[in-house]
Amino acid sequence: MTPILWSIAGTDSGGGAGLAADQRAADALGVHCCTVVAGITAQSTTEVTHIEATPPAVLQAQLDTLAADMPPRAIKTGLLGSADNVRVLARFVDRLREQGPLALVVDPVLRASTGAALANAELRGAYRDLLLPRATVITPNPSEAVALLGHAAPEGIPAQARALRALGCGAVVITGGDAARLCHHASLSLDWLDTPQAQGWLSLPREATPHNHGTGCTFASALAAALALGWVLADAAVLAKMAATFALRHARAVGRGVGPVIARSGFALEPSLLPQLSLDDTQPAAWQTRPRGRNPGVYAIVDSAERVEAVLQAQPPVDTLQLRMKRPAGLPDGAWHAQLHGAVARSQRAAQAAGVVLVVNDHWQLALQAGARALHLGQEDLLALTPQDHAQLQAARAQGVTLGLSSHSLWELCRAAAMAPDLIACGPVWPTTTKDMPWLPQGLDNLAWWAHIAPAPVVGIGGILAPAQLQAVAAAGAAGGCVVRGLGPAPAQTLPAWQDAWDHGSASRQPGVVPMLPHPTLLA
């Protein structure tokens, strides 16, 4: 059944923002939008001349009628018109949540893009006291964030987001796409993301258009639609960023002023719309790019130098081989470092002699000391990097060391993209017992989307136990497929079948067979 989203907002007689923008955004993500009128505005592309709040009884009647037949998975609020309307909505949200989960996305519309004030002090207080504590996420722009916090507003966007969450919000996205002053370079559009899953600057190159009316409405409605589809907050924000930027690309020049953005489906098929997510609160200085890395094909993963040497005996040889060693329980630091150093050095010598790329998983500093020329990091290791670590890693990359990164969700993919890696792993493709993880299987559909959208070659990993599965991974468009347990005790004997499967899958690829949207990989 098509998910239902309620948009409780104002009309825009110019067809740009408010319910008109919300409807377009919902359609772009494939959810059904019920439009609840909380206020009526007389506006055009140049001015707002009149605002009339819907009487609370009329708002209540709309909500009651809808609840009896079309209960929502998510509610998005825009212009609410009056503090009385906020009170009606707050009571109704509580009533709906008694019946089941409900996401509430609050776009605190306090001022129109034309400059007209849309909320007085009483209404701002109602937002703070009644809506923020009930909000799953709020999406203010910088001036709205300060207005909501009042005299308690701290300096800096990240600190303001933390202060807003302290008022009870589940998450905050401070949107700044149209505020060039937010970033070091006016070429970037930056939103600050503060969710339970991830924090950081979500960035994309700025769209060169003067027509941006309804961008905030589009972002908030797309976020709400993504939540209705089952995405967690950080992933929903990624989709909202993509949808809003795509809408900017299709903005219309109508009237004599600022024209509206036009949300459309297909935004998730544009590789140029994948945002980058910063590791910390340092604003990105530029859009990160790097020449595309090589395709690894059959990507063998082993846990010892002995297994490395066994894999290298296969004919034809693999192109890429990863050493993934786990520290034995109770082994002292000194002994572990010596063991790892010896295994990496031995493996590197063997791989170099065979002309095969050896990738060392995790333990990157010890791996570099042992002569490793290719590294792979998981997201936890990526987040653990200090500024000094990051500088050391980047210096190694400048000397030709390659970097692969793991990803399991949209926000992790965006965080990986911000590092401009040479390879991105997408997993788990199928259920796996190799690692205990919360992620739902990606499946071949998400893998195909990852391979299409990512800025680096993508390898599928997780649950690839039979050559037929690897063949399907190749046919989905991946640049490589990871084989771990499937290598068996004698890799030199099993690898020819894996290589044959990869070759057949690569030959059967069908370009363009990519889903319009990926599916969620975490339970919301």
Protein backbone atom coordinates (compact mmCIF):
# COMPACT_ATOMS: atom_id res chain seq x y z
CA MET A 1 0.00 0.00 0.00
CA THR A 2 1.25 3.48 -0.85
CA PRO A 3 2.51 5.25 2.30
CA ILE A 4 0.46 8.26 3.40
CA LEU A 5 1.97 11.62 4.31
CA TRP A 6 0.00 14.50 5.77
CA SER A 7 1.25 17.98 4.97
CA ILE A 8 -0.22 20.51 7.37
CA ALA A 9 0.78 23.84 5.91
CA GLY A 10 -0.34 26.96 4.11
CA THR A 11 -1.45 27.64 0.59
CA ASP A 12 0.66 29.71 -1.79
CA SER A 13 -1.51 31.42 -4.37
CA GLY A 14 1.57 31.68 -6.59
CA GLY A 15 1.96 27.89 -6.67
CA GLY A 16 5.55 28.01 -5.43
CA ALA A 17 5.91 27.09 -1.76
CA GLY A 18 3.63 25.61 0.90
CA LEU A 19 1.24 22.86 -0.01
CA ALA A 20 2.02 23.16 -3.72
CA ALA A 21 5.72 22.39 -3.13
CA ASP A 22 4.85 19.68 -0.61
CA GLN A 23 2.62 17.90 -3.12
CA ARG A 24 5.35 17.90 -5.76
CA ALA A 25 7.92 16.53 -3.32
CA ALA A 26 5.62 13.72 -2.17
CA ASP A 27 4.92 12.77 -5.78
CA ALA A 28 8.66 12.69 -6.51
CA LEU A 29 9.16 10.05 -3.80
CA GLY A 30 6.02 8.07 -4.59
CA VAL A 31 3.99 8.66 -1.43
CA HIS A 32 0.42 9.92 -1.18
CA CYS A 33 0.16 13.45 0.20
CA CYS A 34 -2.94 14.60 2.07
CA THR A 35 -2.98 18.41 2.08
CA VAL A 36 -4.32 19.94 5.28
CA VAL A 37 -4.76 23.70 5.06
CA ALA A 38 -3.53 25.49 8.19
CA GLY A 39 -3.28 28.95 6.61
CA ILE A 40 -4.04 30.88 3.46
CA THR A 41 -1.62 33.34 1.95
CA ALA A 42 -2.01 35.87 -0.82
CA GLN A 43 1.42 35.82 -2.45
CA SER A 44 3.23 35.92 -5.74
CA THR A 45 6.85 35.63 -6.79
CA THR A 46 7.50 39.13 -5.42
CA GLU A 47 5.47 39.58 -2.22
CA VAL A 48 3.12 38.27 0.45
CA THR A 49 0.20 40.63 0.92
CA HIS A 50 -2.07 38.71 3.27
CA ILE A 51 -1.93 35.75 5.70
CA GLU A 52 -5.03 34.19 7.19
CA ALA A 53 -4.80 31.35 9.71
CA THR A 54 -7.31 28.55 9.31
CA PRO A 55 -9.72 28.59 12.28
CA PRO A 56 -8.75 25.87 14.79
CA ALA A 57 -12.13 24.16 14.42
CA VAL A 58 -11.63 23.89 10.65
CA LEU A 59 -8.13 22.47 11.14
CA GLN A 60 -9.51 19.98 13.66
CA ALA A 61 -12.25 18.91 11.25
CA GLN A 62 -9.71 18.20 8.50
CA LEU A 63 -7.59 16.10 10.84
CA ASP A 64 -10.55 14.15 12.22
CA THR A 65 -11.86 13.34 8.77
CA LEU A 66 -8.50 12.14 7.50
CA ALA A 67 -7.68 10.07 10.58
CA ALA A 68 -10.83 7.99 10.14
CA ASP A 69 -9.81 6.87 6.67
CA MET A 70 -6.18 7.73 5.82
CA PRO A 71 -3.95 7.66 8.92
CA PRO A 72 -0.42 8.89 8.17
CA ARG A 73 2.98 7.32 8.57
CA ALA A 74 4.47 10.82 8.72
CA ILE A 75 3.28 14.39 9.17
CA LYS A 76 5.11 17.41 7.79
CA THR A 77 4.22 20.86 9.08
CA GLY A 78 4.82 24.18 7.36
CA LEU A 79 2.96 27.45 7.91
CA LEU A 80 0.61 26.84 10.86
CA GLY A 81 -0.84 30.31 11.13
CA SER A 82 -1.53 30.56 14.85
CA ALA A 83 -0.59 29.26 18.28
CA ASP A 84 -4.10 27.81 18.57
CA ASN A 85 -3.45 25.70 15.49
CA VAL A 86 -0.21 24.45 17.04
CA ARG A 87 -2.17 23.37 20.11
CA VAL A 88 -4.67 21.48 17.95
CA LEU A 89 -1.86 19.75 16.12
CA ALA A 90 0.06 18.82 19.27
CA ARG A 91 -2.99 17.14 20.80
CA PHE A 92 -3.69 15.32 17.54
CA VAL A 93 -0.12 14.02 17.24
CA ASP A 94 -0.42 12.56 20.74
CA ARG A 95 -3.71 10.92 19.76
CA LEU A 96 -2.24 9.37 16.62
CA ARG A 97 0.84 8.09 18.47
CA GLU A 98 -1.39 6.18 20.87
CA GLN A 99 -2.35 4.08 17.86
CA GLY A 100 1.15 3.51 16.44
CA PRO A 101 4.46 5.04 15.35
CA LEU A 102 4.28 8.43 13.65
CA ALA A 103 7.10 10.61 12.32
CA LEU A 104 6.66 14.37 12.76
CA VAL A 105 8.75 16.66 10.56
CA VAL A 106 8.52 20.28 11.66
CA ASP A 107 9.57 22.92 9.16
CA PRO A 108 9.30 26.03 11.34
CA VAL A 109 8.10 28.49 8.72
CA LEU A 110 8.69 31.80 10.49
CA ARG A 111 9.47 34.06 7.54
CA ALA A 112 8.76 33.93 3.81
CA SER A 113 11.60 34.01 1.30
CA THR A 114 10.28 37.45 0.29
CA GLY A 115 11.02 38.64 3.83
CA ALA A 116 7.45 38.71 5.18
CA ALA A 117 7.05 37.62 8.82
CA LEU A 118 4.85 34.54 9.16
CA ALA A 119 4.98 33.98 12.93
CA ASN A 120 4.64 36.25 15.98
CA ALA A 121 6.15 35.74 19.44
CA GLU A 122 3.22 33.63 20.67
CA LEU A 123 3.51 31.29 17.70
CA ARG A 124 7.28 30.96 18.13
CA GLY A 125 6.71 30.06 21.77
CA ALA A 126 4.14 27.43 20.80
CA TYR A 127 6.68 25.89 18.43
CA ARG A 128 9.27 25.70 21.24
CA ASP A 129 6.93 24.41 23.92
CA LEU A 130 4.60 22.11 21.99
CA LEU A 131 6.06 21.05 18.66
CA LEU A 132 9.80 20.73 19.25
CA PRO A 133 9.39 18.18 22.07
CA ARG A 134 7.17 16.10 19.78
CA ALA A 135 9.23 16.49 16.61
CA THR A 136 11.04 13.56 15.06
CA VAL A 137 13.14 16.12 13.20
CA ILE A 138 13.02 19.86 12.59
CA THR A 139 14.38 21.60 9.48
CA PRO A 140 14.95 25.29 10.25
CA ASN A 141 17.17 27.54 8.20
CA PRO A 142 19.87 29.42 10.17
CA SER A 143 17.70 32.45 10.97
CA GLU A 144 14.81 30.21 12.07
CA ALA A 145 17.13 28.20 14.30
CA VAL A 146 18.23 31.40 16.06
CA ALA A 147 14.63 32.62 16.33
CA LEU A 148 13.53 29.36 17.97
CA LEU A 149 16.39 29.47 20.48
CA GLY A 150 16.00 33.18 21.21
CA HIS A 151 18.56 34.68 23.59
CA ALA A 152 19.84 31.18 24.41
CA ALA A 153 21.18 30.67 20.87
CA PRO A 154 24.88 29.73 21.01
CA GLU A 155 27.41 30.64 18.36
CA GLY A 156 27.80 28.28 15.44
CA ILE A 157 25.41 26.07 13.50
CA PRO A 158 26.46 22.73 15.09
CA ALA A 159 26.06 24.18 18.60
CA GLN A 160 22.64 25.58 17.69
CA ALA A 161 21.55 22.15 16.46
CA ARG A 162 22.64 20.60 19.76
CA ALA A 163 20.71 23.27 21.66
CA LEU A 164 17.58 22.56 19.62
CA ARG A 165 17.88 18.84 20.29
CA ALA A 166 18.16 19.67 23.98
CA LEU A 167 14.67 21.18 23.70
CA GLY A 168 13.35 17.73 22.81
CA CYS A 169 13.77 17.32 19.05
CA GLY A 170 14.75 13.86 17.93
CA ALA A 171 16.98 15.30 15.22
CA VAL A 172 17.82 18.61 13.56
CA VAL A 173 18.76 19.54 10.01
CA ILE A 174 19.70 23.21 9.73
CA THR A 175 19.30 23.92 6.06
CA GLY A 176 21.66 26.43 4.52
CA GLY A 177 21.58 25.70 0.82
CA ASP A 178 20.65 29.26 -0.04
CA ALA A 179 22.99 30.91 2.49
CA ALA A 180 26.40 31.40 0.90
CA ARG A 181 27.73 32.87 4.12
CA LEU A 182 27.57 29.41 5.70
CA CYS A 183 30.49 28.02 3.75
CA HIS A 184 34.02 28.99 2.89
CA HIS A 185 33.22 28.77 -0.80
CA ALA A 186 30.00 30.02 -2.31
CA SER A 187 30.23 27.02 -4.65
CA LEU A 188 28.95 24.68 -1.91
CA SER A 189 25.44 24.19 -0.56
CA LEU A 190 25.70 23.06 3.08
CA ASP A 191 23.16 21.61 5.52
CA TRP A 192 24.12 20.65 9.06
CA LEU A 193 22.89 17.17 9.97
CA ASP A 194 22.44 16.17 13.62
CA THR A 195 20.64 12.82 13.95
CA PRO A 196 21.01 9.73 16.16
CA GLN A 197 22.76 7.97 13.27
CA ALA A 198 25.16 10.65 12.04
CA GLN A 199 26.30 14.24 12.37
CA GLY A 200 28.14 16.38 9.85
CA TRP A 201 27.90 18.82 6.97
CA LEU A 202 25.86 17.45 4.08
CA SER A 203 27.17 19.18 0.97
CA LEU A 204 26.58 19.44 -2.76
CA PRO A 205 27.80 21.91 -5.37
CA ARG A 206 25.53 24.96 -5.39
CA GLU A 207 22.99 25.18 -8.19
CA ALA A 208 23.37 28.38 -10.20
CA THR A 209 19.78 29.61 -10.30
CA PRO A 210 18.06 32.70 -8.88
CA HIS A 211 14.81 30.72 -8.59
CA ASN A 212 14.64 28.92 -5.25
CA HIS A 213 11.13 29.61 -3.94
CA GLY A 214 9.89 26.55 -2.03
CA THR A 215 13.28 24.91 -1.49
CA GLY A 216 12.77 24.58 2.27
CA CYS A 217 9.28 23.16 1.85
CA THR A 218 10.57 20.69 -0.73
CA PHE A 219 13.41 19.53 1.51
CA ALA A 220 11.18 19.02 4.56
CA SER A 221 8.44 17.26 2.58
CA ALA A 222 10.93 14.98 0.84
CA LEU A 223 12.43 14.12 4.22
CA ALA A 224 8.97 13.32 5.61
CA ALA A 225 8.15 11.22 2.54
CA ALA A 226 11.39 9.26 2.99
CA LEU A 227 10.50 8.62 6.64
CA ALA A 228 7.09 7.40 5.51
CA LEU A 229 8.88 4.98 3.18
CA GLY A 230 10.78 3.53 6.16
CA TRP A 231 14.15 5.29 6.00
CA VAL A 232 15.97 6.28 9.19
CA LEU A 233 16.58 9.98 9.75
CA ALA A 234 20.12 10.32 8.38
CA ASP A 235 19.24 8.43 5.19
CA ALA A 236 16.00 10.38 4.79
CA ALA A 237 18.00 13.62 4.97
CA VAL A 238 20.29 12.38 2.19
CA LEU A 239 17.30 11.68 -0.06
CA ALA A 240 15.78 15.06 0.84
CA LYS A 241 19.02 16.83 -0.12
CA MET A 242 19.05 15.02 -3.45
CA ALA A 243 15.37 15.73 -4.15
CA ALA A 244 15.61 19.42 -3.24
CA THR A 245 18.71 19.94 -5.37
CA PHE A 246 17.06 18.19 -8.31
CA ALA A 247 14.07 20.50 -7.81
CA LEU A 248 16.43 23.49 -8.00
CA ARG A 249 17.74 22.19 -11.31
CA HIS A 250 14.17 22.27 -12.64
CA ALA A 251 13.16 25.63 -11.17
CA ARG A 252 10.77 27.73 -13.25
CA ALA A 253 11.15 31.36 -14.17
CA VAL A 254 7.57 32.57 -13.75
CA GLY A 255 6.35 36.00 -12.74
CA ARG A 256 8.62 38.97 -12.11
CA GLY A 257 10.35 37.63 -8.99
CA VAL A 258 11.83 34.43 -7.58
CA GLY A 259 10.38 31.41 -9.35
CA PRO A 260 9.54 28.06 -7.74
CA VAL A 261 11.62 24.90 -7.56
CA ILE A 262 9.98 21.87 -9.16
CA ALA A 263 10.47 18.48 -7.49
CA ARG A 264 10.45 15.54 -9.88
CA SER A 265 10.97 11.80 -9.73
CA GLY A 266 14.27 10.42 -10.98
CA PHE A 267 16.43 12.48 -8.64
CA ALA A 268 17.96 9.36 -7.09
CA LEU A 269 19.34 8.24 -10.44
CA GLU A 270 21.62 11.28 -10.81
CA PRO A 271 25.18 10.46 -9.61
CA SER A 272 25.98 14.17 -9.44
CA LEU A 273 23.32 14.53 -6.72
CA LEU A 274 24.92 12.20 -4.18
CA PRO A 275 25.93 14.48 -1.28
CA GLN A 276 29.13 14.27 0.70
CA LEU A 277 29.00 14.03 4.51
CA SER A 278 31.84 15.47 6.58
CA LEU A 279 33.54 13.48 9.32
CA ASP A 280 33.23 16.30 11.86
CA ASP A 281 31.97 19.87 12.24
CA THR A 282 34.73 21.39 10.12
CA GLN A 283 33.05 22.98 7.10
CA PRO A 284 34.27 21.42 3.85
CA ALA A 285 36.38 23.81 1.83
CA ALA A 286 35.73 22.26 -1.57
CA TRP A 287 33.96 19.46 -3.37
CA GLN A 288 36.09 16.31 -3.15
CA THR A 289 36.89 14.44 -6.37
CA ARG A 290 39.49 11.90 -7.46
CA PRO A 291 40.19 9.96 -10.67
CA ARG A 292 38.17 6.76 -10.72
CA GLY A 293 39.97 3.74 -9.28
CA ARG A 294 40.47 0.34 -10.88
CA ASN A 295 37.94 -2.51 -10.96
CA PRO A 296 39.10 -5.42 -8.76
CA GLY A 297 36.87 -8.18 -10.16
CA VAL A 298 37.11 -11.25 -7.92
CA TYR A 299 38.11 -9.74 -4.57
CA ALA A 300 39.49 -12.48 -2.31
CA ILE A 301 39.60 -11.85 1.45
CA VAL A 302 41.79 -13.95 3.74
CA ASP A 303 42.98 -13.80 7.35
CA SER A 304 46.65 -14.78 7.28
CA ALA A 305 49.84 -14.53 5.26
CA GLU A 306 49.64 -18.28 4.64
CA ARG A 307 46.21 -17.86 3.07
CA VAL A 308 47.54 -14.95 0.97
CA GLU A 309 50.20 -17.23 -0.47
CA ALA A 310 47.64 -19.98 -1.09
CA VAL A 311 45.40 -17.60 -3.06
CA LEU A 312 48.35 -16.40 -5.14
CA GLN A 313 48.88 -19.94 -6.43
CA ALA A 314 45.57 -19.84 -8.36
CA GLN A 315 45.56 -19.72 -12.15
CA PRO A 316 44.38 -17.35 -13.44
CA PRO A 317 45.40 -15.18 -10.49
CA VAL A 318 43.05 -12.78 -8.77
CA ASP A 319 43.56 -9.08 -9.37
CA THR A 320 42.97 -7.92 -5.79
CA LEU A 321 43.50 -9.67 -2.46
CA GLN A 322 42.65 -8.38 1.02
CA LEU A 323 44.33 -9.35 4.27
CA ARG A 324 41.82 -9.04 7.10
CA MET A 325 43.35 -10.14 10.39
CA LYS A 326 41.53 -10.06 13.71
CA ARG A 327 43.43 -9.60 16.92
CA PRO A 328 43.42 -12.78 19.02
CA ALA A 329 41.78 -12.36 22.43
CA GLY A 330 44.24 -11.61 25.19
CA LEU A 331 47.24 -11.00 22.91
CA PRO A 332 49.37 -8.12 24.31
CA ASP A 333 49.88 -5.01 22.19
CA GLY A 334 53.54 -5.69 21.47
CA ALA A 335 52.94 -9.25 20.34
CA TRP A 336 49.96 -8.26 18.20
CA HIS A 337 51.86 -5.44 16.50
CA ALA A 338 54.77 -7.74 15.74
CA GLN A 339 52.44 -10.46 14.40
CA LEU A 340 50.53 -8.03 12.20
CA HIS A 341 53.70 -6.32 10.92
CA GLY A 342 55.22 -9.64 9.96
CA ALA A 343 52.04 -10.86 8.22
CA VAL A 344 51.63 -7.64 6.23
CA ALA A 345 55.28 -7.52 5.17
CA ARG A 346 55.25 -11.20 4.12
CA SER A 347 51.95 -10.82 2.27
CA GLN A 348 53.07 -7.61 0.56
CA ARG A 349 56.23 -9.27 -0.75
CA ALA A 350 54.29 -12.25 -2.12
CA ALA A 351 51.58 -10.10 -3.73
CA GLN A 352 54.11 -7.73 -5.28
CA ALA A 353 56.03 -10.64 -6.79
CA ALA A 354 52.78 -11.97 -8.31
CA GLY A 355 51.67 -8.54 -9.60
CA VAL A 356 48.56 -8.60 -7.39
CA VAL A 357 47.20 -5.70 -5.34
CA LEU A 358 47.25 -6.47 -1.60
CA VAL A 359 44.76 -4.51 0.48
CA VAL A 360 45.16 -4.43 4.27
CA ASN A 361 41.94 -4.11 6.26
CA ASP A 362 41.98 -1.75 9.27
CA HIS A 363 45.18 -1.31 11.37
CA TRP A 364 46.18 1.24 8.76
CA GLN A 365 49.08 2.83 10.61
CA LEU A 366 50.76 -0.51 11.31
CA ALA A 367 50.02 -1.55 7.74
CA LEU A 368 51.76 1.55 6.35
CA GLN A 369 54.77 0.90 8.56
CA ALA A 370 54.94 -2.62 7.11
CA GLY A 371 54.90 -1.32 3.54
CA ALA A 372 51.22 -1.67 2.59
CA ARG A 373 50.21 0.21 -0.56
CA ALA A 374 46.43 -0.30 -0.35
CA LEU A 375 44.19 0.11 2.69
CA HIS A 376 40.54 -0.56 3.56
CA LEU A 377 38.71 1.06 6.48
CA GLY A 378 35.32 0.47 8.02
CA GLN A 379 33.12 3.36 9.07
CA GLU A 380 34.03 3.03 12.76
CA ASP A 381 37.72 3.32 11.91
CA LEU A 382 36.96 6.28 9.67
CA LEU A 383 35.14 8.10 12.48
CA ALA A 384 37.98 7.32 14.89
CA LEU A 385 40.48 9.32 12.79
CA THR A 386 41.89 12.35 14.58
CA PRO A 387 42.85 15.42 12.53
CA GLN A 388 46.45 14.23 12.76
CA ASP A 389 45.45 10.73 11.60
CA HIS A 390 43.54 12.21 8.69
CA ALA A 391 46.54 14.28 7.64
CA GLN A 392 48.80 11.21 7.84
CA LEU A 393 46.38 9.13 5.79
CA GLN A 394 46.03 11.84 3.16
CA ALA A 395 49.81 12.19 2.96
CA ALA A 396 50.08 8.45 2.30
CA ARG A 397 47.46 8.69 -0.41
CA ALA A 398 49.41 11.51 -2.03
CA GLN A 399 52.29 9.02 -2.24
CA GLY A 400 50.12 6.54 -4.14
CA VAL A 401 48.52 4.49 -1.34
CA THR A 402 44.94 3.58 -2.33
CA LEU A 403 41.95 3.59 0.03
CA GLY A 404 38.78 1.55 0.13
CA LEU A 405 35.88 2.27 2.48
CA SER A 406 32.89 0.25 3.68
CA SER A 407 29.30 1.47 3.44
CA HIS A 408 25.97 -0.01 4.50
CA SER A 409 23.58 2.94 4.29
CA LEU A 410 23.07 6.16 2.36
CA TRP A 411 24.73 8.35 4.97
CA GLU A 412 27.73 6.01 5.13
CA LEU A 413 27.97 6.14 1.35
CA CYS A 414 27.97 9.96 1.54
CA ARG A 415 30.61 9.91 4.27
CA ALA A 416 32.75 7.61 2.17
CA ALA A 417 32.28 9.87 -0.86
CA ALA A 418 33.64 12.82 1.14
CA MET A 419 36.95 10.94 1.44
CA ALA A 420 37.18 10.52 -2.36
CA PRO A 421 38.15 6.84 -2.00
CA ASP A 422 39.46 4.52 -4.68
CA LEU A 423 36.91 1.83 -3.82
CA ILE A 424 33.61 1.60 -1.92
CA ALA A 425 32.22 -1.63 -0.49
CA CYS A 426 28.45 -2.14 -0.46
CA GLY A 427 27.16 -4.71 1.98
CA PRO A 428 25.89 -6.99 3.09
CA VAL A 429 24.48 -8.06 -0.28
CA TRP A 430 23.05 -11.20 1.34
CA PRO A 431 22.79 -12.16 5.02
CA THR A 432 26.19 -12.96 6.47
CA THR A 433 27.49 -14.51 9.67
CA THR A 434 31.04 -13.24 9.12
CA LYS A 435 30.14 -10.10 11.07
CA ASP A 436 27.40 -9.28 13.60
CA MET A 437 25.75 -6.15 12.17
CA PRO A 438 22.36 -4.39 12.29
CA TRP A 439 22.04 -3.88 8.54
CA LEU A 440 19.37 -5.46 6.41
CA PRO A 441 20.64 -7.18 3.23
CA GLN A 442 21.26 -4.78 0.37
CA GLY A 443 20.21 -7.26 -2.27
CA LEU A 444 21.12 -6.98 -5.93
CA ASP A 445 18.81 -3.97 -6.39
CA ASN A 446 20.65 -1.78 -3.90
CA LEU A 447 23.98 -3.05 -5.19
CA ALA A 448 23.01 -1.97 -8.72
CA TRP A 449 22.00 1.47 -7.37
CA TRP A 450 25.26 1.80 -5.38
CA ALA A 451 27.31 0.90 -8.45
CA HIS A 452 25.42 3.47 -10.52
CA ILE A 453 25.49 6.36 -8.04
CA ALA A 454 28.83 6.03 -6.19
CA PRO A 455 31.80 8.21 -7.22
CA ALA A 456 34.19 5.22 -7.02
CA PRO A 457 34.11 1.56 -8.11
CA VAL A 458 31.80 -0.50 -5.91
CA VAL A 459 32.41 -4.03 -4.66
CA GLY A 460 29.65 -6.21 -3.28
CA ILE A 461 30.36 -8.00 0.01
CA GLY A 462 28.43 -10.25 2.33
CA GLY A 463 26.91 -13.69 1.91
CA ILE A 464 28.56 -14.48 -1.43
CA LEU A 465 28.94 -18.22 -0.92
CA ALA A 466 28.41 -19.68 -4.39
CA PRO A 467 29.78 -18.74 -7.84
CA ALA A 468 26.24 -18.10 -9.09
CA GLN A 469 25.91 -15.32 -6.54
CA LEU A 470 29.16 -13.73 -7.68
CA GLN A 471 27.92 -13.92 -11.26
CA ALA A 472 24.78 -12.02 -10.20
CA VAL A 473 26.92 -9.40 -8.43
CA ALA A 474 28.88 -8.83 -11.63
CA ALA A 475 25.71 -8.67 -13.72
CA ALA A 476 24.32 -6.01 -11.34
CA GLY A 477 27.14 -3.67 -12.36
CA ALA A 478 29.54 -4.01 -9.43
CA ALA A 479 33.23 -3.49 -10.06
CA GLY A 480 34.09 -6.43 -7.82
CA GLY A 481 32.69 -9.09 -5.55
CA CYS A 482 34.20 -10.23 -2.26
CA VAL A 483 34.71 -13.94 -1.64
CA VAL A 484 35.61 -14.96 1.92
CA ARG A 485 34.36 -18.33 3.17
CA GLY A 486 33.67 -19.43 -0.38
CA LEU A 487 37.42 -19.75 -1.00
CA GLY A 488 37.43 -22.95 1.04
CA PRO A 489 40.53 -24.67 2.43
CA ALA A 490 42.24 -24.82 -1.00
CA PRO A 491 41.77 -21.42 -2.72
CA ALA A 492 43.96 -22.32 -5.68
CA GLN A 493 41.44 -25.02 -6.60
CA THR A 494 38.24 -23.02 -6.01
CA LEU A 495 39.25 -19.67 -7.51
CA PRO A 496 39.02 -20.68 -11.20
CA ALA A 497 35.28 -21.32 -10.78
CA TRP A 498 34.85 -17.95 -9.08
CA GLN A 499 36.78 -16.21 -11.85
CA ASP A 500 34.67 -17.95 -14.50
CA ALA A 501 31.48 -16.84 -12.73
CA TRP A 502 32.72 -13.24 -12.61
CA ASP A 503 33.56 -13.25 -16.31
CA HIS A 504 30.13 -14.61 -17.25
CA GLY A 505 28.37 -12.08 -15.03
CA SER A 506 30.34 -9.17 -16.44
CA ALA A 507 29.45 -10.23 -19.98
CA SER A 508 25.72 -10.26 -19.14
CA ARG A 509 25.49 -6.77 -17.62
CA GLN A 510 22.51 -4.71 -18.74
CA PRO A 511 23.34 -1.00 -18.43
CA GLY A 512 20.49 1.11 -17.08
CA VAL A 513 18.77 -1.58 -14.99
CA VAL A 514 18.84 0.43 -11.77
CA PRO A 515 15.97 1.01 -9.29
CA MET A 516 14.50 4.52 -9.07
CA LEU A 517 15.13 4.42 -5.32
CA PRO A 518 17.16 2.02 -3.18
CA HIS A 519 15.44 0.33 -0.25
CA PRO A 520 16.20 1.03 3.43
CA THR A 521 18.92 -1.02 5.12
CA LEU A 522 18.04 -0.20 8.74
CA LEU A 523 14.71 -0.64 10.47
CA ALA A 524 13.28 2.82 11.18
